[in-house]
N, C-alpha and C. Protein backbone atom coordinates (compact mmCIF):
# COMPACT_ATOMS: atom_id res chain seq x y z
N MET A 1 9.73 13.16 13.47
CA MET A 1 8.23 13.79 13.23
C MET A 1 8.05 14.63 14.13
N TYR A 2 7.87 16.10 13.74
CA TYR A 2 7.58 17.01 14.99
C TYR A 2 5.97 17.42 14.98
N PHE A 3 5.35 17.32 16.03
CA PHE A 3 4.07 18.26 15.88
C PHE A 3 4.10 18.95 17.23
N THR A 4 3.00 19.87 17.41
CA THR A 4 2.77 20.65 18.48
C THR A 4 1.74 19.97 19.41
N VAL A 5 1.61 20.00 20.61
CA VAL A 5 0.49 19.63 21.17
C VAL A 5 0.32 20.45 22.37
N ASP A 6 -0.96 20.81 22.37
CA ASP A 6 -1.48 21.80 23.67
C ASP A 6 -1.59 20.98 24.81
N SER A 7 -1.84 21.71 25.85
CA SER A 7 -1.81 21.21 27.15
C SER A 7 -2.99 20.28 27.51
N MET A 8 -4.20 20.54 26.72
CA MET A 8 -5.47 19.50 26.70
C MET A 8 -4.97 18.21 26.12
N GLU A 9 -4.28 18.18 25.16
CA GLU A 9 -4.10 17.00 24.59
C GLU A 9 -2.96 16.20 25.40
N VAL A 10 -1.98 17.03 25.82
CA VAL A 10 -1.06 16.24 27.16
C VAL A 10 -2.00 15.87 28.22
N ALA A 11 -3.09 16.63 28.78
CA ALA A 11 -3.96 15.95 29.75
C ALA A 11 -4.60 14.74 29.33
N TYR A 12 -5.11 14.46 28.03
CA TYR A 12 -5.58 13.39 27.40
C TYR A 12 -4.77 12.13 27.39
N LEU A 13 -3.54 12.50 26.84
CA LEU A 13 -2.64 11.47 26.76
C LEU A 13 -2.56 11.03 27.97
N VAL A 14 -2.16 11.65 29.04
CA VAL A 14 -1.62 11.28 30.17
C VAL A 14 -2.90 10.10 30.80
N GLY A 15 -3.88 10.71 30.58
CA GLY A 15 -5.00 10.09 30.82
C GLY A 15 -5.38 8.66 29.96
N VAL A 16 -5.15 8.68 28.89
CA VAL A 16 -5.33 7.51 27.90
C VAL A 16 -4.02 6.59 28.58
N VAL A 17 -3.07 6.86 28.91
CA VAL A 17 -1.88 6.22 29.10
C VAL A 17 -2.32 5.52 30.52
N LEU A 18 -2.84 6.16 31.34
CA LEU A 18 -2.65 5.91 32.74
C LEU A 18 -4.09 5.23 33.19
N GLY A 19 -5.37 5.54 32.46
CA GLY A 19 -6.41 5.27 32.40
C GLY A 19 -6.94 3.86 32.08
N ARG A 20 -8.46 3.70 32.48
CA ARG A 20 -9.12 2.30 31.72
C ARG A 20 -10.49 2.99 31.12
N GLU A 21 -10.62 2.30 29.94
CA GLU A 21 -11.80 2.61 29.00
C GLU A 21 -12.97 2.18 29.83
N GLU A 22 -14.17 2.96 29.84
CA GLU A 22 -15.30 2.81 30.89
C GLU A 22 -16.40 3.34 29.87
N GLN A 23 -17.42 2.95 30.06
CA GLN A 23 -18.75 3.28 29.05
C GLN A 23 -18.87 4.73 29.04
N GLU A 24 -18.31 5.44 30.10
CA GLU A 24 -18.50 6.91 30.32
C GLU A 24 -17.26 7.70 29.45
N GLY A 25 -16.15 7.05 29.67
CA GLY A 25 -14.97 7.59 28.99
C GLY A 25 -13.80 7.11 29.44
N MET A 26 -12.63 7.55 29.84
CA MET A 26 -11.22 7.17 30.15
C MET A 26 -11.36 7.61 31.45
N ARG A 27 -11.45 6.50 32.66
CA ARG A 27 -11.28 6.66 33.91
C ARG A 27 -9.84 6.52 34.39
N VAL A 28 -9.35 7.75 35.56
CA VAL A 28 -8.06 7.58 35.87
C VAL A 28 -7.95 7.96 37.20
N GLY A 29 -7.23 7.33 38.19
CA GLY A 29 -7.39 7.98 39.65
C GLY A 29 -6.82 9.53 39.60
N TYR A 30 -7.68 10.18 40.56
CA TYR A 30 -7.69 11.59 40.85
C TYR A 30 -5.79 11.84 41.04
N THR A 31 -5.44 11.19 42.12
CA THR A 31 -3.89 11.49 42.87
C THR A 31 -2.67 11.20 41.63
N THR A 32 -3.02 9.94 41.00
CA THR A 32 -1.92 9.45 40.03
C THR A 32 -2.10 10.49 38.86
N TYR A 33 -3.37 10.68 38.30
CA TYR A 33 -3.37 11.62 37.22
C TYR A 33 -2.72 13.08 37.65
N ILE A 34 -2.93 13.68 38.59
CA ILE A 34 -2.61 14.92 38.75
C ILE A 34 -1.09 15.00 39.21
N ASN A 35 -0.68 14.07 39.68
CA ASN A 35 0.87 13.90 39.98
C ASN A 35 1.68 13.77 38.62
N THR A 36 0.91 12.70 37.84
CA THR A 36 1.77 12.54 36.50
C THR A 36 1.57 13.74 35.77
N LEU A 37 0.34 14.28 35.60
CA LEU A 37 0.22 15.67 34.64
C LEU A 37 1.07 16.70 35.15
N HIS A 38 1.55 16.67 36.25
CA HIS A 38 2.35 17.77 37.05
C HIS A 38 3.71 17.82 36.38
N LYS A 39 4.14 16.55 35.93
CA LYS A 39 5.53 16.54 35.46
C LYS A 39 5.53 17.26 33.98
N TRP A 40 4.50 17.48 33.25
CA TRP A 40 4.58 18.35 31.97
C TRP A 40 3.69 19.52 32.13
N VAL A 41 2.77 19.75 32.93
CA VAL A 41 2.15 21.10 33.08
C VAL A 41 1.94 21.79 34.39
N ARG A 42 2.00 22.94 34.21
CA ARG A 42 2.87 23.89 35.38
C ARG A 42 1.76 23.61 36.70
N ASN A 43 0.31 23.95 36.17
CA ASN A 43 -0.74 23.89 37.08
C ASN A 43 -1.87 23.03 36.84
N PRO A 44 -1.71 21.65 37.06
CA PRO A 44 -2.42 20.45 36.62
C PRO A 44 -3.96 20.85 36.99
N GLU A 45 -4.32 21.24 38.19
CA GLU A 45 -5.45 21.34 38.87
C GLU A 45 -6.30 22.59 37.95
N ASP A 46 -5.72 23.66 37.56
CA ASP A 46 -6.10 24.65 36.60
C ASP A 46 -6.62 23.95 35.37
N LEU A 47 -5.76 23.20 34.66
CA LEU A 47 -6.08 22.84 33.64
C LEU A 47 -7.20 21.46 33.87
N LEU A 48 -7.30 20.65 34.88
CA LEU A 48 -8.43 19.90 34.95
C LEU A 48 -9.55 20.73 34.99
N ASN A 49 -9.94 21.71 35.67
CA ASN A 49 -10.98 22.74 35.86
C ASN A 49 -11.21 23.18 34.54
N LYS A 50 -10.36 23.35 33.67
CA LYS A 50 -10.64 24.09 32.29
C LYS A 50 -11.27 22.81 31.49
N LEU A 51 -10.72 21.54 31.69
CA LEU A 51 -11.40 20.49 30.99
C LEU A 51 -12.97 20.27 31.44
N ILE A 52 -12.83 20.39 32.80
CA ILE A 52 -14.34 19.96 33.35
C ILE A 52 -15.43 21.23 32.92
N SER A 53 -15.05 22.53 32.98
CA SER A 53 -15.81 23.68 32.61
C SER A 53 -16.06 23.55 30.94
N ALA A 54 -15.24 22.79 30.17
CA ALA A 54 -15.61 22.79 28.58
C ALA A 54 -16.37 21.51 28.41
N GLY A 55 -16.57 20.79 29.29
CA GLY A 55 -17.55 19.43 29.33
C GLY A 55 -16.34 18.19 28.67
N LYS A 56 -15.07 18.46 28.90
CA LYS A 56 -14.35 17.34 28.32
C LYS A 56 -13.98 16.41 29.18
N ALA A 57 -14.10 16.63 30.76
CA ALA A 57 -13.89 15.69 31.67
C ALA A 57 -14.85 15.59 32.83
N LYS A 58 -14.80 14.89 33.74
CA LYS A 58 -16.03 15.12 34.82
C LYS A 58 -15.09 14.36 36.21
N LEU A 59 -15.16 15.03 37.16
CA LEU A 59 -14.79 14.51 38.27
C LEU A 59 -15.90 13.58 39.15
N MET A 60 -15.47 12.29 39.48
CA MET A 60 -16.14 11.63 39.86
C MET A 60 -15.88 10.93 41.32
N ARG A 61 -16.75 10.83 42.14
CA ARG A 61 -16.34 10.02 43.68
C ARG A 61 -16.34 8.45 43.05
N SER A 62 -15.10 7.99 43.85
CA SER A 62 -14.77 6.64 43.58
C SER A 62 -14.09 6.23 44.80
N GLY A 63 -14.90 5.11 45.34
CA GLY A 63 -14.55 4.56 46.79
C GLY A 63 -14.32 5.59 47.76
N HIS A 64 -13.05 5.81 48.15
CA HIS A 64 -12.85 6.76 49.42
C HIS A 64 -12.27 8.12 48.88
N GLY A 65 -12.01 7.91 47.46
CA GLY A 65 -11.52 8.99 46.96
C GLY A 65 -12.03 9.57 45.63
N HIS A 66 -11.32 10.27 44.73
CA HIS A 66 -11.92 10.67 43.39
C HIS A 66 -11.28 9.81 42.16
N SER A 67 -11.93 10.23 41.05
CA SER A 67 -11.47 9.94 39.80
C SER A 67 -11.73 10.86 38.86
N ILE A 68 -11.02 10.80 37.55
CA ILE A 68 -11.43 11.75 36.75
C ILE A 68 -11.76 11.07 35.62
N VAL A 69 -12.77 11.39 34.63
CA VAL A 69 -13.34 10.60 33.65
C VAL A 69 -13.12 11.64 32.56
N LEU A 70 -12.35 11.36 31.39
CA LEU A 70 -12.16 12.00 30.36
C LEU A 70 -13.08 11.83 29.21
N THR A 71 -14.10 12.52 28.64
CA THR A 71 -15.33 12.01 28.09
C THR A 71 -15.07 12.54 26.48
N ASP A 72 -14.07 12.96 26.01
CA ASP A 72 -13.99 13.33 24.52
C ASP A 72 -13.61 12.01 23.77
N ARG A 73 -14.42 11.54 23.47
CA ARG A 73 -14.31 10.05 22.77
C ARG A 73 -13.40 10.10 21.42
N GLU A 74 -13.61 11.44 20.65
CA GLU A 74 -12.87 11.52 19.22
C GLU A 74 -11.31 11.84 19.64
N LEU A 75 -10.84 12.48 20.99
CA LEU A 75 -9.57 12.79 21.24
C LEU A 75 -9.08 11.55 21.72
N ILE A 76 -9.71 10.85 22.62
CA ILE A 76 -9.08 9.61 22.91
C ILE A 76 -9.02 8.52 21.93
N GLY A 77 -9.81 8.47 20.82
CA GLY A 77 -9.29 7.46 19.78
C GLY A 77 -8.18 8.03 19.15
N ARG A 78 -8.10 9.26 18.87
CA ARG A 78 -6.93 9.88 18.10
C ARG A 78 -5.48 9.23 18.78
N ILE A 79 -5.53 9.60 20.41
CA ILE A 79 -4.41 9.27 20.94
C ILE A 79 -4.39 7.81 20.68
N ASN A 80 -5.25 7.29 20.86
CA ASN A 80 -5.22 5.45 20.98
C ASN A 80 -4.47 5.27 19.59
N THR A 81 -4.68 5.87 18.51
CA THR A 81 -4.35 5.44 17.36
C THR A 81 -2.68 6.01 17.42
N LEU A 82 -2.49 7.16 17.82
CA LEU A 82 -1.17 7.29 17.70
C LEU A 82 -0.21 6.25 18.70
N LEU A 83 -0.81 5.86 19.88
CA LEU A 83 0.01 4.89 20.64
C LEU A 83 -0.12 3.59 19.85
N THR A 84 -0.89 3.24 19.18
CA THR A 84 -0.94 1.87 18.63
C THR A 84 0.07 1.67 17.68
N PRO A 85 1.14 0.58 17.70
CA PRO A 85 2.05 0.44 16.62
C PRO A 85 1.79 0.28 15.46
N LYS A 86 2.40 0.61 14.64
CA LYS A 86 2.01 0.47 13.01
C LYS A 86 2.51 -0.94 12.76
N GLU A 87 1.75 -1.59 11.80
CA GLU A 87 2.51 -2.80 11.38
C GLU A 87 3.34 -2.69 10.48
N GLU A 88 4.33 -3.74 10.72
CA GLU A 88 5.51 -3.75 9.68
C GLU A 88 5.09 -4.03 8.07
N VAL A 89 5.78 -3.19 7.31
CA VAL A 89 5.01 -3.35 6.03
C VAL A 89 6.43 -3.45 5.18
N ASP A 90 6.38 -4.25 4.40
CA ASP A 90 7.43 -4.62 3.29
C ASP A 90 7.77 -3.36 2.45
N PRO A 91 8.68 -2.48 2.33
CA PRO A 91 8.69 -1.50 1.38
C PRO A 91 8.93 -1.85 -0.15
N LEU A 92 9.57 -2.92 -0.59
CA LEU A 92 9.53 -3.39 -1.77
C LEU A 92 8.00 -3.66 -2.45
N GLY A 93 7.43 -4.41 -1.33
CA GLY A 93 5.79 -4.79 -1.68
C GLY A 93 5.10 -3.70 -2.09
N VAL A 94 5.08 -2.50 -1.22
CA VAL A 94 4.48 -1.43 -1.33
C VAL A 94 4.73 -0.67 -2.60
N ILE A 95 6.01 -0.84 -3.03
CA ILE A 95 6.31 -0.05 -4.17
C ILE A 95 5.84 -0.64 -5.43
N VAL A 96 6.12 -2.22 -5.49
CA VAL A 96 5.42 -2.87 -6.68
C VAL A 96 4.04 -2.85 -6.64
N GLU A 97 3.16 -2.80 -5.69
CA GLU A 97 1.95 -2.87 -5.48
C GLU A 97 1.56 -1.46 -6.14
N GLY A 98 1.94 -0.32 -5.56
CA GLY A 98 1.66 1.00 -5.97
C GLY A 98 2.19 1.34 -7.85
N ILE A 99 3.40 0.56 -8.22
CA ILE A 99 3.54 0.62 -9.46
C ILE A 99 2.12 -0.06 -10.49
N ARG A 100 1.94 -0.94 -9.94
CA ARG A 100 0.95 -2.02 -10.32
C ARG A 100 -0.47 -1.30 -10.55
N ARG A 101 -0.82 -0.66 -9.19
CA ARG A 101 -2.04 0.14 -9.42
C ARG A 101 -1.93 1.43 -10.04
N LEU A 102 -1.02 2.33 -10.21
CA LEU A 102 -0.83 3.72 -10.90
C LEU A 102 -0.37 3.25 -12.19
N ALA A 103 -0.13 1.91 -12.75
CA ALA A 103 0.54 1.79 -14.11
C ALA A 103 -0.57 2.23 -15.10
N ASN A 104 -0.26 2.78 -16.28
CA ASN A 104 -0.85 2.94 -17.42
C ASN A 104 -1.19 1.43 -17.87
N PRO A 105 -2.53 1.37 -18.30
CA PRO A 105 -2.74 -0.02 -18.76
C PRO A 105 -2.42 -0.49 -20.01
N LEU A 106 -1.84 0.40 -20.94
CA LEU A 106 -1.22 0.35 -22.37
C LEU A 106 0.27 0.27 -22.16
N THR A 107 1.05 0.99 -21.36
CA THR A 107 2.26 0.84 -21.42
C THR A 107 2.66 0.03 -19.90
N GLY A 108 2.37 -0.06 -18.93
CA GLY A 108 2.56 -0.52 -17.86
C GLY A 108 3.46 0.11 -16.90
N TYR A 109 3.78 1.48 -17.37
CA TYR A 109 4.49 2.44 -16.70
C TYR A 109 3.69 3.49 -15.82
N ALA A 110 4.20 3.51 -14.46
CA ALA A 110 3.63 4.54 -13.64
C ALA A 110 4.35 5.71 -13.28
N ASP A 111 3.83 6.92 -13.14
CA ASP A 111 4.47 7.92 -12.69
C ASP A 111 5.06 8.22 -11.56
N ILE A 112 6.46 8.35 -11.66
CA ILE A 112 7.18 8.24 -10.23
C ILE A 112 6.83 9.46 -9.38
N GLY A 113 6.10 10.52 -9.72
CA GLY A 113 5.34 11.50 -8.91
C GLY A 113 4.40 10.84 -8.14
N ASP A 114 3.48 10.15 -8.95
CA ASP A 114 2.40 9.64 -8.48
C ASP A 114 2.71 8.64 -7.30
N LEU A 115 3.84 7.70 -7.76
CA LEU A 115 4.20 6.72 -6.97
C LEU A 115 4.64 7.22 -5.53
N ILE A 116 5.40 8.31 -5.68
CA ILE A 116 6.00 8.85 -4.43
C ILE A 116 4.81 9.38 -3.26
N LYS A 117 3.80 9.72 -4.00
CA LYS A 117 2.56 10.43 -3.47
C LYS A 117 1.95 8.94 -2.61
N TYR A 118 1.77 7.74 -3.41
CA TYR A 118 1.18 6.69 -2.89
C TYR A 118 2.21 5.84 -1.84
N ILE A 119 3.23 6.09 -1.92
CA ILE A 119 4.21 5.94 -0.65
C ILE A 119 4.25 6.58 0.31
N VAL A 120 3.88 7.74 0.08
CA VAL A 120 3.62 8.88 1.41
C VAL A 120 2.62 8.43 2.14
N ASP A 121 1.54 8.12 1.35
CA ASP A 121 0.41 7.99 1.94
C ASP A 121 0.11 6.24 2.70
N LYS A 122 0.46 5.30 1.79
CA LYS A 122 0.81 4.09 2.33
C LYS A 122 1.52 3.86 3.42
N LEU A 123 2.81 4.50 3.78
CA LEU A 123 3.55 4.48 4.84
C LEU A 123 3.54 5.68 5.79
N GLU A 124 2.97 6.42 5.67
CA GLU A 124 2.89 7.51 6.41
C GLU A 124 4.37 8.50 6.69
N ILE A 125 4.88 8.56 5.72
CA ILE A 125 6.20 9.19 5.76
C ILE A 125 6.15 10.52 4.89
N ASN A 126 7.26 11.45 5.11
CA ASN A 126 7.27 12.46 4.39
C ASN A 126 7.68 12.41 2.71
N THR A 127 7.84 13.31 2.21
CA THR A 127 7.98 13.13 0.60
C THR A 127 9.37 12.77 0.49
N LYS A 128 10.42 13.57 1.10
CA LYS A 128 11.86 13.24 0.89
C LYS A 128 12.20 11.93 1.47
N ASP A 129 11.47 11.31 2.57
CA ASP A 129 11.80 9.93 3.02
C ASP A 129 11.21 8.93 1.95
N ALA A 130 10.04 9.18 1.38
CA ALA A 130 9.70 8.39 0.26
C ALA A 130 10.62 8.43 -0.82
N GLU A 131 11.18 9.49 -1.19
CA GLU A 131 12.03 9.54 -2.42
C GLU A 131 13.25 8.51 -2.12
N ASP A 132 13.96 9.11 -0.91
CA ASP A 132 15.21 8.21 -0.70
C ASP A 132 14.73 6.79 -0.44
N LEU A 133 13.64 6.20 0.06
CA LEU A 133 13.26 4.90 0.11
C LEU A 133 13.02 4.36 -1.33
N LEU A 134 12.52 5.22 -2.28
CA LEU A 134 12.31 4.41 -3.56
C LEU A 134 13.64 4.20 -4.23
N ILE A 135 14.63 5.60 -4.26
CA ILE A 135 15.86 5.08 -4.77
C ILE A 135 16.58 4.15 -4.08
N ASN A 136 16.72 3.88 -2.77
CA ASN A 136 17.15 2.75 -2.10
C ASN A 136 16.89 1.49 -2.70
N ILE A 137 15.55 1.52 -2.87
CA ILE A 137 15.02 0.14 -3.14
C ILE A 137 15.30 -0.15 -4.59
N ILE A 138 15.01 0.91 -5.65
CA ILE A 138 15.62 0.60 -7.02
C ILE A 138 17.11 0.23 -7.09
N ARG A 139 17.94 0.69 -6.19
CA ARG A 139 19.59 0.19 -6.15
C ARG A 139 19.45 -1.16 -5.93
N HIS A 140 18.82 -1.36 -4.86
CA HIS A 140 18.99 -3.03 -4.02
C HIS A 140 18.38 -3.98 -5.11
N HIS A 141 17.25 -3.36 -5.90
CA HIS A 141 16.72 -4.47 -6.73
C HIS A 141 16.52 -4.17 -8.16
N ARG A 142 17.29 -3.34 -8.81
CA ARG A 142 17.48 -2.85 -10.05
C ARG A 142 16.70 -3.73 -11.10
N ARG A 143 16.98 -5.06 -11.20
CA ARG A 143 16.56 -6.09 -11.79
C ARG A 143 15.26 -5.85 -12.35
N ARG A 144 14.33 -5.44 -11.25
CA ARG A 144 12.95 -5.65 -11.20
C ARG A 144 12.27 -4.31 -11.92
N PHE A 145 12.95 -3.39 -12.29
CA PHE A 145 12.38 -2.31 -12.73
C PHE A 145 13.01 -1.85 -14.06
N VAL A 146 12.17 -1.34 -15.04
CA VAL A 146 12.63 -0.53 -16.08
C VAL A 146 12.12 0.92 -16.09
N PHE A 147 12.75 1.80 -16.61
CA PHE A 147 12.80 3.24 -16.55
C PHE A 147 12.69 3.83 -17.67
N ALA A 148 11.63 4.99 -17.81
CA ALA A 148 11.60 5.75 -19.03
C ALA A 148 11.60 7.21 -18.69
N HIS A 149 11.80 8.06 -19.74
CA HIS A 149 11.75 9.51 -19.61
C HIS A 149 10.25 9.95 -19.47
N GLY A 150 9.84 10.99 -18.84
CA GLY A 150 8.87 11.55 -18.90
C GLY A 150 8.33 11.85 -17.39
N GLY A 151 6.98 11.70 -17.31
CA GLY A 151 6.41 11.85 -16.09
C GLY A 151 6.35 13.16 -15.24
N SER A 152 5.69 13.17 -13.96
CA SER A 152 5.70 14.71 -13.46
C SER A 152 6.69 14.98 -12.56
N LYS A 153 7.57 14.13 -12.01
CA LYS A 153 8.81 14.09 -11.23
C LYS A 153 9.82 13.10 -11.71
N ARG A 154 11.03 13.63 -11.83
CA ARG A 154 12.17 12.75 -12.05
C ARG A 154 13.14 12.54 -10.91
N LEU A 155 13.66 11.47 -10.75
CA LEU A 155 14.73 11.03 -10.14
C LEU A 155 15.89 10.51 -10.73
N ARG A 156 17.06 10.83 -9.90
CA ARG A 156 18.27 10.56 -10.58
C ARG A 156 18.48 8.99 -10.41
N ILE A 157 18.44 8.20 -11.37
CA ILE A 157 18.67 6.76 -11.07
C ILE A 157 19.77 6.58 -12.13
N GLY A 158 21.10 6.38 -11.50
CA GLY A 158 22.20 6.13 -12.05
C GLY A 158 22.46 7.56 -12.54
N SER A 159 22.93 7.46 -14.17
CA SER A 159 23.61 8.84 -14.51
C SER A 159 22.49 9.78 -15.29
N SER A 160 20.90 9.01 -15.35
CA SER A 160 20.11 9.87 -16.05
C SER A 160 18.98 10.18 -15.21
N TYR A 161 18.09 11.03 -15.34
CA TYR A 161 16.76 11.33 -14.69
C TYR A 161 15.70 10.71 -15.49
N TYR A 162 14.76 9.90 -14.73
CA TYR A 162 13.75 9.26 -15.41
C TYR A 162 12.32 9.58 -14.57
N GLY A 163 11.33 9.79 -15.16
CA GLY A 163 10.26 9.92 -14.44
C GLY A 163 9.01 8.86 -14.46
N LEU A 164 9.52 7.77 -15.19
CA LEU A 164 8.34 6.71 -15.49
C LEU A 164 8.90 5.52 -14.94
N ILE A 165 8.15 4.64 -14.25
CA ILE A 165 8.71 3.17 -13.94
C ILE A 165 7.95 2.18 -14.01
N LYS A 166 8.57 0.93 -14.33
CA LYS A 166 7.54 -0.52 -14.77
C LYS A 166 8.29 -1.35 -13.73
N VAL A 167 7.48 -2.34 -13.47
CA VAL A 167 7.76 -3.66 -12.93
C VAL A 167 8.20 -4.78 -13.92
N ILE A 168 9.01 -5.50 -14.06
CA ILE A 168 9.18 -6.39 -15.03
C ILE A 168 8.78 -7.91 -14.44
N GLU A 169 7.72 -8.21 -14.95
CA GLU A 169 6.92 -9.37 -14.27
C GLU A 169 7.69 -10.56 -13.93
N ASN A 170 8.65 -11.35 -14.95
CA ASN A 170 9.28 -12.13 -14.98
C ASN A 170 10.56 -12.05 -13.97
N ALA A 171 10.72 -11.10 -13.54
CA ALA A 171 11.98 -10.47 -12.59
C ALA A 171 11.58 -10.72 -11.18
N GLU A 172 10.49 -11.20 -10.77
CA GLU A 172 9.95 -11.00 -9.57
C GLU A 172 11.04 -11.50 -8.23
N GLY A 173 11.48 -12.66 -8.78
CA GLY A 173 12.33 -13.51 -7.98
C GLY A 173 13.94 -12.99 -7.88
N ALA A 174 14.27 -12.10 -8.89
CA ALA A 174 15.40 -11.45 -9.21
C ALA A 174 16.02 -10.82 -8.14
N SER A 175 17.16 -10.70 -7.84
CA SER A 175 17.96 -9.61 -6.94
C SER A 175 19.30 -9.45 -7.25
N SER A 176 19.57 -8.13 -6.84
CA SER A 176 20.79 -7.62 -7.47
C SER A 176 21.66 -7.66 -5.86
């Protein structure tokens, strides 16, 4: 996964990793913060001054020195979310749950296009990875699923292209 990060986000990332949460925001020792930030930003003092003038940071007296308090709670929260490890999820369970949630109540079949979107949202992966995951799960647990033609998106399964998928209830313990 690639994404762009501006210098302010780098400054907050460094602050969140090095700092401690307080009522006012994220507090970091000035010298530690500037020295660490210097590894990624050409002029950390200028960046700090921009943060202070934008109201996103405060320079505070702390003992014999100074500390920086980062005050943008929303950005601190986003960075904490990125740094928090995701819980392990069973991909087969996600797929079976998705089929059951998306299935037509009359037929029991779910549209593979909708299922791929469900997998993308649930596992936070891109569409191509979701398609590959679905195909691999189908290959390893083929007896659990029945396929039909139709649907908004078709995947090649075996020698045919299918767009609908259904979970076989009595094959829950079956493995291929």
